[in-house]
Amino acid sequence: MRAVVQRVSQASVTVDGAVTGSIGPGLLILICAMAGDTETQAEAMAAKIAKLRIFKDEAGKMNRSILDIAGSALIVSQFTLAADLRGNRPGFSTAAAPADGKRLYDHFTTRIKALGIPAANGIFGANMAVSLTNDGPVTLCIDL
């Protein structure tokens, strides 16, 4: 799986003019299931993200996790993270097939929630408008 994780003070996703998910302080997680990924990768990604110490402690150091700050996650499917950019037109053959991608996206969301992180979502496969206020800014790319 591949993810782009952004520390945010707020984020929301809108589909067809309606907000489908919004959060206050926490993480915006753009997530992509890659061809061959399984639930094991989704679970490992959720565990990794839950433990990332990227929030400030009392001394202003990045030393706290989303669990430590009682933050929320906005999880948005993003198959374009699988882009092959060798040419001028991106290819997406390394992304999981849509049915597998949806299953793993849902499993990832379930795991994040099971770890005690409140989560909101976009809509898998929809054309979404994502709004965020990046805090820091802190943006990380993760491949598992």
Protein backbone atom coordinates (compact mmCIF):
# COMPACT_ATOMS: atom_id res chain seq x y z
CA MET A 1 0.00 0.00 0.00
CA ARG A 2 1.02 3.56 -0.54
CA ALA A 3 -0.08 6.60 1.45
CA VAL A 4 0.47 10.31 1.65
CA VAL A 5 -0.18 11.48 5.20
CA GLN A 6 -0.64 15.14 6.07
CA ARG A 7 -0.87 16.58 9.55
CA VAL A 8 -3.85 18.93 9.45
CA SER A 9 -5.68 21.35 11.68
CA GLN A 10 -8.81 20.59 9.62
CA ALA A 11 -9.78 18.75 6.45
CA SER A 12 -12.91 17.87 4.51
CA VAL A 13 -13.96 16.09 1.35
CA THR A 14 -16.91 17.07 -0.84
CA VAL A 15 -18.64 14.99 -3.51
CA ASP A 16 -21.28 16.55 -5.79
CA GLY A 17 -21.55 19.59 -3.52
CA ALA A 18 -22.09 17.58 -0.33
CA VAL A 19 -19.50 17.16 2.42
CA THR A 20 -18.98 13.40 2.89
CA GLY A 21 -16.38 13.67 5.63
CA SER A 22 -14.65 16.30 7.74
CA ILE A 23 -12.28 16.37 10.68
CA GLY A 24 -10.59 18.81 13.01
CA PRO A 25 -6.98 18.25 14.12
CA GLY A 26 -5.49 14.99 12.92
CA LEU A 27 -4.40 13.37 9.69
CA LEU A 28 -5.53 13.52 6.09
CA ILE A 29 -4.62 10.11 4.67
CA LEU A 30 -4.56 9.65 0.90
CA ILE A 31 -4.40 5.88 0.46
CA CYS A 32 -3.77 3.63 -2.54
CA ALA A 33 -3.93 -0.15 -2.70
CA MET A 34 -1.31 -1.51 -5.08
CA ALA A 35 -1.68 -4.62 -7.25
CA GLY A 36 -1.00 -7.68 -5.10
CA ASP A 37 -1.74 -5.97 -1.77
CA THR A 38 -3.69 -7.89 0.85
CA GLU A 39 -5.39 -7.16 4.13
CA THR A 40 -2.00 -7.71 5.78
CA GLN A 41 -0.60 -4.59 4.07
CA ALA A 42 -3.72 -2.59 4.97
CA GLU A 43 -3.35 -3.59 8.62
CA ALA A 44 0.38 -2.80 8.65
CA MET A 45 -0.26 0.61 7.08
CA ALA A 46 -2.95 1.43 9.64
CA ALA A 47 -0.65 0.40 12.51
CA LYS A 48 2.26 2.42 11.10
CA ILE A 49 0.18 5.57 10.66
CA ALA A 50 -1.41 5.25 14.12
CA LYS A 51 2.06 5.17 15.71
CA LEU A 52 3.69 7.99 13.72
CA ARG A 53 5.04 10.53 16.19
CA ILE A 54 4.43 13.66 14.11
CA PHE A 55 2.43 15.83 16.50
CA LYS A 56 4.07 18.35 18.82
CA ASP A 57 4.60 17.63 22.50
CA GLU A 58 4.77 20.24 25.27
CA ALA A 59 8.31 21.18 24.18
CA GLY A 60 7.26 21.68 20.55
CA LYS A 61 9.00 18.49 19.36
CA MET A 62 7.32 16.00 17.03
CA ASN A 63 6.90 13.30 19.64
CA ARG A 64 3.19 12.47 19.82
CA SER A 65 0.97 10.19 17.73
CA ILE A 66 -2.57 10.76 16.52
CA LEU A 67 -3.66 8.50 19.39
CA ASP A 68 -1.78 10.66 21.90
CA ILE A 69 -3.56 13.83 20.77
CA ALA A 70 -6.98 12.13 20.35
CA GLY A 71 -7.01 13.29 16.73
CA SER A 72 -9.14 12.12 13.82
CA ALA A 73 -8.37 10.81 10.35
CA LEU A 74 -9.91 11.74 7.02
CA ILE A 75 -9.27 8.81 4.68
CA VAL A 76 -9.47 9.41 0.94
CA SER A 77 -8.90 6.79 -1.76
CA GLN A 78 -6.27 7.99 -4.22
CA PHE A 79 -5.40 5.50 -6.99
CA THR A 80 -3.22 8.12 -8.70
CA LEU A 81 -0.56 7.48 -6.04
CA ALA A 82 0.23 4.38 -8.12
CA ALA A 83 1.17 6.49 -11.15
CA ASP A 84 4.00 5.33 -13.39
CA LEU A 85 5.60 8.57 -14.54
CA ARG A 86 8.25 7.33 -16.94
CA GLY A 87 6.49 9.04 -19.85
CA ASN A 88 4.39 12.17 -20.08
CA ARG A 89 1.08 10.41 -19.54
CA PRO A 90 0.77 8.60 -16.21
CA GLY A 91 -0.02 4.90 -16.22
CA PHE A 92 -1.85 3.23 -13.37
CA SER A 93 -1.26 -0.47 -14.03
CA THR A 94 0.40 -0.91 -10.62
CA ALA A 95 -2.79 0.13 -8.77
CA ALA A 96 -5.04 -2.61 -7.45
CA ALA A 97 -8.07 -3.46 -9.55
CA PRO A 98 -11.08 -1.36 -8.47
CA ALA A 99 -12.83 -4.18 -6.56
CA ASP A 100 -9.63 -5.03 -4.68
CA GLY A 101 -8.87 -1.36 -4.09
CA LYS A 102 -12.31 -0.77 -2.58
CA ARG A 103 -12.06 -3.86 -0.37
CA LEU A 104 -8.62 -2.82 0.93
CA TYR A 105 -9.66 0.83 1.36
CA ASP A 106 -12.61 -0.31 3.47
CA HIS A 107 -10.39 -2.72 5.43
CA PHE A 108 -7.84 0.04 6.08
CA THR A 109 -10.62 2.32 7.37
CA THR A 110 -11.95 -0.46 9.61
CA ARG A 111 -8.45 -1.02 11.06
CA ILE A 112 -7.89 2.71 11.71
CA LYS A 113 -11.19 2.84 13.60
CA ALA A 114 -10.37 -0.38 15.49
CA LEU A 115 -7.15 1.26 16.69
CA GLY A 116 -9.27 3.95 18.38
CA ILE A 117 -8.96 6.71 15.78
CA PRO A 118 -12.22 8.39 14.77
CA ALA A 119 -12.34 8.42 10.96
CA ALA A 120 -14.29 10.08 8.17
CA ASN A 121 -14.12 9.13 4.51
CA GLY A 122 -14.45 10.26 0.97
CA ILE A 123 -16.34 8.07 -1.50
CA PHE A 124 -14.30 5.40 -3.26
CA GLY A 125 -14.06 6.07 -7.00
CA ALA A 126 -15.85 9.44 -6.85
CA ASN A 127 -14.56 12.76 -8.13
CA MET A 128 -13.78 14.46 -4.82
CA ALA A 129 -12.81 17.96 -3.76
CA VAL A 130 -10.46 17.78 -0.78
CA SER A 131 -9.89 20.82 1.39
CA LEU A 132 -7.29 20.98 4.14
CA THR A 133 -5.19 23.20 6.30
CA ASN A 134 -1.80 21.50 6.47
CA ASP A 135 -0.30 21.95 9.93
CA GLY A 136 3.44 22.54 9.84
CA PRO A 137 3.35 21.73 7.00
CA VAL A 138 4.00 18.06 7.70
CA THR A 139 3.54 15.68 4.76
CA LEU A 140 4.90 12.11 4.62
CA CYS A 141 4.94 9.46 1.89
CA ILE A 142 4.74 5.84 3.06
CA ASP A 143 5.16 2.65 1.05
CA LEU A 144 4.54 -0.75 2.66
